[in-house]
Amino acid sequence: MMTDKTVLITGATDGIGKATALLFARQKYNIHLVARNRDKGNELLEKINSLYPEGEHKLFLTDLSDIKSTEEFLEGYSKTQQKLDKLILCAGVFVSGNSVNNKGLDLTFVVNYLSRYMFVAKLSHLLEKSGDAKVIYLGGSRFVNISYDDISNPKYNKMFAIWQASTASAFMASFLDNPERNVRHIYWCPGIVNTALVKSQSYLMQKLSALFGMIEPEVAADNLWNIIANENHNFFIKRKGKDLPKKIVNNKFQFERLMEFSAQITKVKMPGRVSLVEKVKAKSII
């Protein structure tokens, strides 16, 4: 019999996202897929409905590179759902060159981080109603200083683009983690996974990936399932819990700056937060 638990997964039609959707469906969750490709989304939805027809499985199409479209989706979703138990943020891009979105912003930073910020901000009230909510941020294991001044005119290489988006997600996991409200924020580095990105690389790169311990998406999804049951850490590499680096957990100022920047760019405010401008105004009144 199907439970009333619901998981929302971004980047759900390929790789880790797809494997995770199928695993959670097997564990009797209602599966909500967020995807850009209609054909892939419908194909996966049909498969899940065929294998696990008891659930209320849904597909939502949106382009996470478009901030306005993302906000419109989240506004509608938040009004139609009663609660959300798991939010798994898998969506990410790995683009060549300095690609930008329709507003001239670094495409990688928008999809791999800003969309995640918006999901958490707009759906936090649904997560708090769960009683056992988890937010999973998929990312890498290298952290860098965020180049705020260049996001509207990116000149850095694509690996730096990936790393700074991962750094931003790690800040979110570190400072928004709130066990007292039963909402855990977990940063997860799955390692090298045999996704479409790896398969698109040269034969040599694929061999090197295998040599360095590449795993299949299904194994990564199994690791994630075990991670979610672990309450002792909020940072994992593959399935091993670790402490987030000190450059993340001891850098509250950079987190505050990140939240301010994110709210300014997206026009979406993280609930319960007071902006730096508001703090200055409050002090001037006193």
C-alpha atoms as a PDB file:
ATOM      1  CA  MET A   1       0.000   0.000   0.000  1.00  0.00           C
ATOM      2  CA  MET A   2       1.304   3.421  -0.970  1.00  0.00           C
ATOM      3  CA  THR A   3       2.329   5.817   1.782  1.00  0.00           C
ATOM      4  CA  ASP A   4       1.697   9.553   1.676  1.00  0.00           C
ATOM      5  CA  LYS A   5       5.391  10.367   1.323  1.00  0.00           C
ATOM      6  CA  THR A   6       6.447  12.548  -1.590  1.00  0.00           C
ATOM      7  CA  VAL A   7       9.829  13.226  -3.167  1.00  0.00           C
ATOM      8  CA  LEU A   8      10.516  16.019  -5.651  1.00  0.00           C
ATOM      9  CA  ILE A   9      13.535  15.415  -7.901  1.00  0.00           C
ATOM     10  CA  THR A  10      15.169  17.882 -10.273  1.00  0.00           C
ATOM     11  CA  GLY A  11      17.221  16.608 -13.179  1.00  0.00           C
ATOM     12  CA  ALA A  12      15.094  13.498 -12.957  1.00  0.00           C
ATOM     13  CA  THR A  13      15.219  12.116 -16.498  1.00  0.00           C
ATOM     14  CA  ASP A  14      18.859  11.046 -16.679  1.00  0.00           C
ATOM     15  CA  GLY A  15      21.622   9.481 -14.632  1.00  0.00           C
ATOM     16  CA  ILE A  16      21.413   9.763 -10.865  1.00  0.00           C
ATOM     17  CA  GLY A  17      18.084  11.608 -10.952  1.00  0.00           C
ATOM     18  CA  LYS A  18      16.407   8.862 -12.985  1.00  0.00           C
ATOM     19  CA  ALA A  19      17.860   6.046 -10.882  1.00  0.00           C
ATOM     20  CA  THR A  20      16.810   7.862  -7.706  1.00  0.00           C
ATOM     21  CA  ALA A  21      13.264   8.346  -8.984  1.00  0.00           C
ATOM     22  CA  LEU A  22      12.906   4.621  -9.671  1.00  0.00           C
ATOM     23  CA  LEU A  23      14.393   3.687  -6.289  1.00  0.00           C
ATOM     24  CA  PHE A  24      12.080   6.012  -4.345  1.00  0.00           C
ATOM     25  CA  ALA A  25       9.097   4.729  -6.308  1.00  0.00           C
ATOM     26  CA  ARG A  26      10.087   1.218  -5.248  1.00  0.00           C
ATOM     27  CA  GLN A  27      10.183   2.475  -1.665  1.00  0.00           C
ATOM     28  CA  LYS A  28       6.549   3.579  -2.065  1.00  0.00           C
ATOM     29  CA  TYR A  29       7.009   7.326  -2.479  1.00  0.00           C
ATOM     30  CA  ASN A  30       4.916   9.545  -4.682  1.00  0.00           C
ATOM     31  CA  ILE A  31       7.390  10.685  -7.347  1.00  0.00           C
ATOM     32  CA  HIS A  32       7.348  14.262  -8.617  1.00  0.00           C
ATOM     33  CA  LEU A  33       9.709  14.727 -11.547  1.00  0.00           C
ATOM     34  CA  VAL A  34      11.073  18.104 -12.624  1.00  0.00           C
ATOM     35  CA  ALA A  35      12.452  18.025 -16.159  1.00  0.00           C
ATOM     36  CA  ARG A  36      12.959  20.141 -19.256  1.00  0.00           C
ATOM     37  CA  ASN A  37      12.660  17.411 -21.893  1.00  0.00           C
ATOM     38  CA  ARG A  38       9.018  16.443 -22.367  1.00  0.00           C
ATOM     39  CA  ASP A  39       9.704  13.173 -24.212  1.00  0.00           C
ATOM     40  CA  LYS A  40      12.196  11.880 -21.641  1.00  0.00           C
ATOM     41  CA  GLY A  41       9.948  13.021 -18.817  1.00  0.00           C
ATOM     42  CA  ASN A  42       6.881  11.265 -20.186  1.00  0.00           C
ATOM     43  CA  GLU A  43       8.878   8.114 -20.901  1.00  0.00           C
ATOM     44  CA  LEU A  44      10.103   7.934 -17.300  1.00  0.00           C
ATOM     45  CA  LEU A  45       6.694   8.806 -15.872  1.00  0.00           C
ATOM     46  CA  GLU A  46       5.070   6.031 -17.903  1.00  0.00           C
ATOM     47  CA  LYS A  47       7.676   3.556 -16.652  1.00  0.00           C
ATOM     48  CA  ILE A  48       7.149   4.537 -13.019  1.00  0.00           C
ATOM     49  CA  ASN A  49       3.369   4.379 -13.369  1.00  0.00           C
ATOM     50  CA  SER A  50       3.649   0.952 -14.980  1.00  0.00           C
ATOM     51  CA  LEU A  51       5.917  -0.482 -12.276  1.00  0.00           C
ATOM     52  CA  TYR A  52       4.417   1.322  -9.274  1.00  0.00           C
ATOM     53  CA  PRO A  53       0.828   2.297 -10.147  1.00  0.00           C
ATOM     54  CA  GLU A  54      -0.244   2.893  -6.547  1.00  0.00           C
ATOM     55  CA  GLY A  55       1.598   6.202  -6.325  1.00  0.00           C
ATOM     56  CA  GLU A  56       0.512   9.658  -7.380  1.00  0.00           C
ATOM     57  CA  HIS A  57       3.389  10.260  -9.755  1.00  0.00           C
ATOM     58  CA  LYS A  58       3.653  13.539 -11.664  1.00  0.00           C
ATOM     59  CA  LEU A  59       5.827  15.265 -14.239  1.00  0.00           C
ATOM     60  CA  PHE A  60       6.498  19.002 -14.161  1.00  0.00           C
ATOM     61  CA  LEU A  61       8.191  20.652 -17.128  1.00  0.00           C
ATOM     62  CA  THR A  62      10.281  23.751 -16.536  1.00  0.00           C
ATOM     63  CA  ASP A  63      13.547  25.303 -17.666  1.00  0.00           C
ATOM     64  CA  LEU A  64      15.746  25.832 -14.622  1.00  0.00           C
ATOM     65  CA  SER A  65      18.008  28.189 -16.560  1.00  0.00           C
ATOM     66  CA  ASP A  66      15.111  30.674 -16.716  1.00  0.00           C
ATOM     67  CA  ILE A  67      14.650  32.297 -13.300  1.00  0.00           C
ATOM     68  CA  LYS A  68      11.153  33.558 -14.114  1.00  0.00           C
ATOM     69  CA  SER A  69       9.964  30.148 -15.311  1.00  0.00           C
ATOM     70  CA  THR A  70      11.416  28.493 -12.228  1.00  0.00           C
ATOM     71  CA  GLU A  71       9.598  30.930  -9.931  1.00  0.00           C
ATOM     72  CA  GLU A  72       6.300  30.416 -11.789  1.00  0.00           C
ATOM     73  CA  PHE A  73       6.604  26.653 -11.406  1.00  0.00           C
ATOM     74  CA  LEU A  74       7.424  26.919  -7.705  1.00  0.00           C
ATOM     75  CA  GLU A  75       4.564  29.307  -7.045  1.00  0.00           C
ATOM     76  CA  GLY A  76       2.100  26.882  -8.581  1.00  0.00           C
ATOM     77  CA  TYR A  77       3.610  23.801  -6.969  1.00  0.00           C
ATOM     78  CA  SER A  78       3.712  25.288  -3.478  1.00  0.00           C
ATOM     79  CA  LYS A  79      -0.002  26.128  -3.656  1.00  0.00           C
ATOM     80  CA  THR A  80      -1.122  22.651  -4.688  1.00  0.00           C
ATOM     81  CA  GLN A  81       0.904  20.482  -2.278  1.00  0.00           C
ATOM     82  CA  GLN A  82       0.218  19.763   1.383  1.00  0.00           C
ATOM     83  CA  LYS A  83       3.787  18.809   2.322  1.00  0.00           C
ATOM     84  CA  LEU A  84       7.071  17.633   0.875  1.00  0.00           C
ATOM     85  CA  ASP A  85       9.186  14.899   2.467  1.00  0.00           C
ATOM     86  CA  LYS A  86      12.302  14.821   0.303  1.00  0.00           C
ATOM     87  CA  LEU A  87      13.747  17.409  -2.081  1.00  0.00           C
ATOM     88  CA  ILE A  88      16.572  16.009  -4.204  1.00  0.00           C
ATOM     89  CA  LEU A  89      18.398  18.640  -6.244  1.00  0.00           C
ATOM     90  CA  CYS A  90      20.196  16.710  -8.981  1.00  0.00           C
ATOM     91  CA  ALA A  91      19.798  19.093 -11.913  1.00  0.00           C
ATOM     92  CA  GLY A  92      23.047  20.447 -13.226  1.00  0.00           C
ATOM     93  CA  VAL A  93      24.735  21.435 -16.464  1.00  0.00           C
ATOM     94  CA  PHE A  94      28.302  21.029 -17.670  1.00  0.00           C
ATOM     95  CA  VAL A  95      28.653  23.430 -20.571  1.00  0.00           C
ATOM     96  CA  SER A  96      31.569  24.388 -22.771  1.00  0.00           C
ATOM     97  CA  GLY A  97      32.785  27.964 -22.821  1.00  0.00           C
ATOM     98  CA  ASN A  98      31.205  30.813 -20.900  1.00  0.00           C
ATOM     99  CA  SER A  99      27.534  30.055 -21.549  1.00  0.00           C
ATOM    100  CA  VAL A 100      24.917  32.424 -20.135  1.00  0.00           C
ATOM    101  CA  ASN A 101      21.157  32.278 -19.636  1.00  0.00           C
ATOM    102  CA  ASN A 102      18.534  34.615 -21.101  1.00  0.00           C
ATOM    103  CA  LYS A 103      19.524  37.307 -18.592  1.00  0.00           C
ATOM    104  CA  GLY A 104      23.231  37.113 -19.326  1.00  0.00           C
ATOM    105  CA  LEU A 105      24.073  35.215 -16.132  1.00  0.00           C
ATOM    106  CA  ASP A 106      26.480  32.294 -15.911  1.00  0.00           C
ATOM    107  CA  LEU A 107      24.313  29.351 -16.983  1.00  0.00           C
ATOM    108  CA  THR A 108      26.071  26.901 -14.679  1.00  0.00           C
ATOM    109  CA  PHE A 109      25.576  29.085 -11.610  1.00  0.00           C
ATOM    110  CA  VAL A 110      21.892  29.626 -12.431  1.00  0.00           C
ATOM    111  CA  VAL A 111      21.025  25.957 -12.968  1.00  0.00           C
ATOM    112  CA  ASN A 112      23.450  24.324 -10.522  1.00  0.00           C
ATOM    113  CA  TYR A 113      22.884  26.772  -7.671  1.00  0.00           C
ATOM    114  CA  LEU A 114      20.352  29.595  -8.056  1.00  0.00           C
ATOM    115  CA  SER A 115      17.539  27.233  -9.030  1.00  0.00           C
ATOM    116  CA  ARG A 116      18.307  25.243  -5.869  1.00  0.00           C
ATOM    117  CA  TYR A 117      18.190  28.379  -3.752  1.00  0.00           C
ATOM    118  CA  MET A 118      14.753  29.139  -5.207  1.00  0.00           C
ATOM    119  CA  PHE A 119      13.440  25.612  -4.618  1.00  0.00           C
ATOM    120  CA  VAL A 120      14.465  25.700  -0.968  1.00  0.00           C
ATOM    121  CA  ALA A 121      13.168  29.232  -0.411  1.00  0.00           C
ATOM    122  CA  LYS A 122       9.789  28.662  -2.058  1.00  0.00           C
ATOM    123  CA  LEU A 123       9.169  25.153  -0.688  1.00  0.00           C
ATOM    124  CA  SER A 124      10.519  25.502   2.860  1.00  0.00           C
ATOM    125  CA  HIS A 125       6.998  25.664   4.338  1.00  0.00           C
ATOM    126  CA  LEU A 126       6.117  22.329   2.695  1.00  0.00           C
ATOM    127  CA  LEU A 127       9.312  20.725   3.993  1.00  0.00           C
ATOM    128  CA  GLU A 128       8.610  21.873   7.555  1.00  0.00           C
ATOM    129  CA  LYS A 129       5.216  20.165   7.419  1.00  0.00           C
ATOM    130  CA  SER A 130       6.806  16.783   6.710  1.00  0.00           C
ATOM    131  CA  GLY A 131       8.245  16.055  10.132  1.00  0.00           C
ATOM    132  CA  ASP A 132      11.171  14.214   8.553  1.00  0.00           C
ATOM    133  CA  ALA A 133      12.267  16.281   5.580  1.00  0.00           C
ATOM    134  CA  LYS A 134      15.596  16.003   3.782  1.00  0.00           C
ATOM    135  CA  VAL A 135      17.065  18.339   1.181  1.00  0.00           C
ATOM    136  CA  ILE A 136      19.869  16.804  -0.881  1.00  0.00           C
ATOM    137  CA  TYR A 137      22.319  18.977  -2.816  1.00  0.00           C
ATOM    138  CA  LEU A 138      24.286  17.058  -5.428  1.00  0.00           C
ATOM    139  CA  GLY A 139      27.771  18.486  -5.982  1.00  0.00           C
ATOM    140  CA  GLY A 140      31.512  18.018  -6.184  1.00  0.00           C
ATOM    141  CA  SER A 141      34.184  17.828  -3.516  1.00  0.00           C
ATOM    142  CA  ARG A 142      36.202  20.930  -4.399  1.00  0.00           C
ATOM    143  CA  PHE A 143      35.290  24.335  -2.951  1.00  0.00           C
ATOM    144  CA  VAL A 144      36.439  27.742  -4.182  1.00  0.00           C
ATOM    145  CA  ASN A 145      35.823  31.427  -3.541  1.00  0.00           C
ATOM    146  CA  ILE A 146      32.697  32.557  -5.378  1.00  0.00           C
ATOM    147  CA  SER A 147      33.428  35.153  -8.060  1.00  0.00           C
ATOM    148  CA  TYR A 148      30.306  37.301  -7.639  1.00  0.00           C
ATOM    149  CA  ASP A 149      31.549  40.109  -9.886  1.00  0.00           C
ATOM    150  CA  ASP A 150      31.947  37.739 -12.850  1.00  0.00           C
ATOM    151  CA  ILE A 151      28.638  35.867 -12.741  1.00  0.00           C
ATOM    152  CA  SER A 152      27.033  38.412 -15.071  1.00  0.00           C
ATOM    153  CA  ASN A 153      30.092  38.295 -17.351  1.00  0.00           C
ATOM    154  CA  PRO A 154      31.773  34.916 -16.808  1.00  0.00           C
ATOM    155  CA  LYS A 155      35.370  34.632 -17.931  1.00  0.00           C
ATOM    156  CA  TYR A 156      36.409  31.669 -15.785  1.00  0.00           C
ATOM    157  CA  ASN A 157      36.734  28.117 -17.114  1.00  0.00           C
ATOM    158  CA  LYS A 158      33.951  25.541 -16.947  1.00  0.00           C
ATOM    159  CA  MET A 159      35.479  23.624 -14.048  1.00  0.00           C
ATOM    160  CA  PHE A 160      35.592  26.762 -11.903  1.00  0.00           C
ATOM    161  CA  ALA A 161      31.943  27.353 -12.846  1.00  0.00           C
ATOM    162  CA  ILE A 162      31.082  23.891 -11.527  1.00  0.00           C
ATOM    163  CA  TRP A 163      33.133  24.331  -8.356  1.00  0.00           C
ATOM    164  CA  GLN A 164      31.683  27.697  -7.380  1.00  0.00           C
ATOM    165  CA  ALA A 165      28.122  26.441  -7.838  1.00  0.00           C
ATOM    166  CA  SER A 166      29.000  23.427  -5.668  1.00  0.00           C
ATOM    167  CA  THR A 167      30.501  25.766  -3.067  1.00  0.00           C
ATOM    168  CA  ALA A 168      27.279  27.763  -2.954  1.00  0.00           C
ATOM    169  CA  SER A 169      25.246  24.576  -2.442  1.00  0.00           C
ATOM    170  CA  ALA A 170      27.608  23.503   0.356  1.00  0.00           C
ATOM    171  CA  PHE A 171      27.014  26.821   2.134  1.00  0.00           C
ATOM    172  CA  MET A 172      23.266  26.176   1.933  1.00  0.00           C
ATOM    173  CA  ALA A 173      23.612  22.674   3.390  1.00  0.00           C
ATOM    174  CA  SER A 174      25.846  23.913   6.193  1.00  0.00           C
ATOM    175  CA  PHE A 175      23.915  26.945   7.401  1.00  0.00           C
ATOM    176  CA  LEU A 176      20.319  25.954   6.621  1.00  0.00           C
ATOM    177  CA  ASP A 177      20.513  22.523   8.230  1.00  0.00           C
ATOM    178  CA  ASN A 178      17.905  22.620  10.995  1.00  0.00           C
ATOM    179  CA  PRO A 179      17.310  19.387  12.930  1.00  0.00           C
ATOM    180  CA  GLU A 180      15.099  21.253  15.428  1.00  0.00           C
ATOM    181  CA  ARG A 181      12.536  21.842  12.668  1.00  0.00           C
ATOM    182  CA  ASN A 182      13.047  18.309  11.321  1.00  0.00           C
ATOM    183  CA  VAL A 183      14.486  19.622   8.059  1.00  0.00           C
ATOM    184  CA  ARG A 184      17.955  18.282   7.302  1.00  0.00           C
ATOM    185  CA  HIS A 185      20.081  19.793   4.536  1.00  0.00           C
ATOM    186  CA  ILE A 186      22.646  17.348   3.151  1.00  0.00           C
ATOM    187  CA  TYR A 187      25.464  17.990   0.698  1.00  0.00           C
ATOM    188  CA  TRP A 188      26.402  14.908  -1.307  1.00  0.00           C
ATOM    189  CA  CYS A 189      29.330  14.229  -3.618  1.00  0.00           C
ATOM    190  CA  PRO A 190      28.454  10.930  -5.349  1.00  0.00           C
ATOM    191  CA  GLY A 191      31.891  10.413  -6.893  1.00  0.00           C
ATOM    192  CA  ILE A 192      32.390   9.517 -10.557  1.00  0.00           C
ATOM    193  CA  VAL A 193      29.106   8.184 -11.915  1.00  0.00           C
ATOM    194  CA  ASN A 194      28.583   6.621 -15.343  1.00  0.00           C
ATOM    195  CA  THR A 195      26.158   9.249 -16.610  1.00  0.00           C
ATOM    196  CA  ALA A 196      25.533  10.571 -20.128  1.00  0.00           C
ATOM    197  CA  LEU A 197      28.258  13.159 -19.496  1.00  0.00           C
ATOM    198  CA  VAL A 198      30.893  10.481 -18.865  1.00  0.00           C
ATOM    199  CA  LYS A 199      29.691   8.429 -21.830  1.00  0.00           C
ATOM    200  CA  SER A 200      30.121  11.475 -24.081  1.00  0.00           C
ATOM    201  CA  GLN A 201      33.821  11.707 -23.203  1.00  0.00           C
ATOM    202  CA  SER A 202      36.672  10.116 -25.123  1.00  0.00           C
ATOM    203  CA  TYR A 203      37.472   6.433 -24.772  1.00  0.00           C
ATOM    204  CA  LEU A 204      40.549   7.335 -22.724  1.00  0.00           C
ATOM    205  CA  MET A 205      38.538   9.492 -20.313  1.00  0.00           C
ATOM    206  CA  GLN A 206      35.996   6.718 -19.851  1.00  0.00           C
ATOM    207  CA  LYS A 207      38.789   4.263 -19.073  1.00  0.00           C
ATOM    208  CA  LEU A 208      40.307   6.689 -16.575  1.00  0.00           C
ATOM    209  CA  SER A 209      36.908   7.190 -14.950  1.00  0.00           C
ATOM    210  CA  ALA A 210      36.551   3.438 -14.530  1.00  0.00           C
ATOM    211  CA  LEU A 211      40.074   3.259 -13.104  1.00  0.00           C
ATOM    212  CA  PHE A 212      39.207   5.883 -10.476  1.00  0.00           C
ATOM    213  CA  GLY A 213      36.217   3.952  -9.189  1.00  0.00           C
ATOM    214  CA  MET A 214      33.331   4.995 -11.415  1.00  0.00           C
ATOM    215  CA  ILE A 215      29.964   3.625 -10.301  1.00  0.00           C
ATOM    216  CA  GLU A 216      26.629   3.166 -12.066  1.00  0.00           C
ATOM    217  CA  PRO A 217      23.706   5.544 -11.380  1.00  0.00           C
ATOM    218  CA  GLU A 218      21.802   2.749  -9.622  1.00  0.00           C
ATOM    219  CA  VAL A 219      24.670   2.290  -7.146  1.00  0.00           C
ATOM    220  CA  ALA A 220      24.727   6.048  -6.532  1.00  0.00           C
ATOM    221  CA  ALA A 221      20.980   5.985  -5.865  1.00  0.00           C
ATOM    222  CA  ASP A 222      21.444   3.142  -3.365  1.00  0.00           C
ATOM    223  CA  ASN A 223      24.147   5.175  -1.647  1.00  0.00           C
ATOM    224  CA  LEU A 224      21.788   8.122  -1.432  1.00  0.00           C
ATOM    225  CA  TRP A 225      19.064   5.993   0.133  1.00  0.00           C
ATOM    226  CA  ASN A 226      21.483   4.949   2.879  1.00  0.00           C
ATOM    227  CA  ILE A 227      22.678   8.523   3.335  1.00  0.00           C
ATOM    228  CA  ILE A 228      19.158   9.775   3.959  1.00  0.00           C
ATOM    229  CA  ALA A 229      18.836   7.385   6.910  1.00  0.00           C
ATOM    230  CA  ASN A 230      22.043   8.750   8.485  1.00  0.00           C
ATOM    231  CA  GLU A 231      21.436  11.601  10.930  1.00  0.00           C
ATOM    232  CA  ASN A 232      25.048  12.037  12.048  1.00  0.00           C
ATOM    233  CA  HIS A 233      26.416  14.048   9.125  1.00  0.00           C
ATOM    234  CA  ASN A 234      25.257  16.516   6.509  1.00  0.00           C
ATOM    235  CA  PHE A 235      28.199  16.050   4.145  1.00  0.00           C
ATOM    236  CA  PHE A 236      28.854  12.800   2.300  1.00  0.00           C
ATOM    237  CA  ILE A 237      31.338  11.583  -0.276  1.00  0.00           C
ATOM    238  CA  LYS A 238      29.815   8.556  -1.984  1.00  0.00           C
ATOM    239  CA  ARG A 239      28.166   7.049   1.125  1.00  0.00           C
ATOM    240  CA  LYS A 240      30.694   8.046   3.776  1.00  0.00           C
ATOM    241  CA  GLY A 241      29.794  10.833   6.196  1.00  0.00           C
ATOM    242  CA  LYS A 242      32.353  13.575   6.753  1.00  0.00           C
ATOM    243  CA  ASP A 243      32.607  17.036   8.284  1.00  0.00           C
ATOM    244  CA  LEU A 244      32.155  19.908   5.882  1.00  0.00           C
ATOM    245  CA  PRO A 245      35.425  21.812   5.312  1.00  0.00           C
ATOM    246  CA  LYS A 246      36.186  24.629   7.750  1.00  0.00           C
ATOM    247  CA  LYS A 247      36.248  27.125   4.872  1.00  0.00           C
ATOM    248  CA  ILE A 248      32.501  26.440   4.608  1.00  0.00           C
ATOM    249  CA  VAL A 249      31.321  26.009   8.208  1.00  0.00           C
ATOM    250  CA  ASN A 250      33.490  28.818   9.623  1.00  0.00           C
ATOM    251  CA  ASN A 251      32.541  31.363   6.987  1.00  0.00           C
ATOM    252  CA  LYS A 252      29.204  32.790   8.086  1.00  0.00           C
ATOM    253  CA  PHE A 253      30.002  36.108   6.404  1.00  0.00           C
ATOM    254  CA  GLN A 254      30.301  34.465   2.989  1.00  0.00           C
ATOM    255  CA  PHE A 255      27.038  32.608   3.562  1.00  0.00           C
ATOM    256  CA  GLU A 256      25.310  35.887   4.394  1.00  0.00           C
ATOM    257  CA  ARG A 257      26.780  37.452   1.281  1.00  0.00           C
ATOM    258  CA  LEU A 258      25.598  34.493  -0.788  1.00  0.00           C
ATOM    259  CA  MET A 259      22.048  34.778   0.549  1.00  0.00           C
ATOM    260  CA  GLU A 260      22.010  38.510  -0.144  1.00  0.00           C
ATOM    261  CA  PHE A 261      23.296  38.024  -3.673  1.00  0.00           C
ATOM    262  CA  SER A 262      20.843  35.177  -4.381  1.00  0.00           C
ATOM    263  CA  ALA A 263      17.851  37.194  -3.185  1.00  0.00           C
ATOM    264  CA  GLN A 264      18.938  40.173  -5.243  1.00  0.00           C
ATOM    265  CA  ILE A 265      19.329  38.174  -8.456  1.00  0.00           C
ATOM    266  CA  THR A 266      16.223  35.974  -8.140  1.00  0.00           C
ATOM    267  CA  LYS A 267      13.949  38.451  -6.298  1.00  0.00           C
ATOM    268  CA  VAL A 268      13.117  35.523  -3.989  1.00  0.00           C
ATOM    269  CA  LYS A 269      13.842  35.866  -0.292  1.00  0.00           C
ATOM    270  CA  MET A 270      14.757  32.955   1.937  1.00  0.00           C
ATOM    271  CA  PRO A 271      12.060  32.758   4.661  1.00  0.00           C
ATOM    272  CA  GLY A 272      13.106  33.844   8.124  1.00  0.00           C
ATOM    273  CA  ARG A 273      16.131  35.766   6.930  1.00  0.00           C
ATOM    274  CA  VAL A 274      16.813  39.460   7.507  1.00  0.00           C
ATOM    275  CA  SER A 275      18.734  41.131   4.698  1.00  0.00           C
ATOM    276  CA  LEU A 276      21.848  43.167   5.342  1.00  0.00           C
ATOM    277  CA  VAL A 277      19.975  46.287   4.225  1.00  0.00           C
ATOM    278  CA  GLU A 278      17.220  45.584   6.752  1.00  0.00           C
ATOM    279  CA  LYS A 279      19.795  45.049   9.494  1.00  0.00           C
ATOM    280  CA  VAL A 280      21.415  48.408   8.720  1.00  0.00           C
ATOM    281  CA  LYS A 281      18.010  50.123   8.758  1.00  0.00           C
ATOM    282  CA  ALA A 282      17.146  48.501  12.094  1.00  0.00           C
ATOM    283  CA  LYS A 283      20.405  49.701  13.636  1.00  0.00           C
ATOM    284  CA  SER A 284      19.874  53.244  12.349  1.00  0.00           C
ATOM    285  CA  ILE A 285      16.411  53.374  13.953  1.00  0.00           C
ATOM    286  CA  ILE A 286      17.845  52.238  17.282  1.00  0.00           C
END
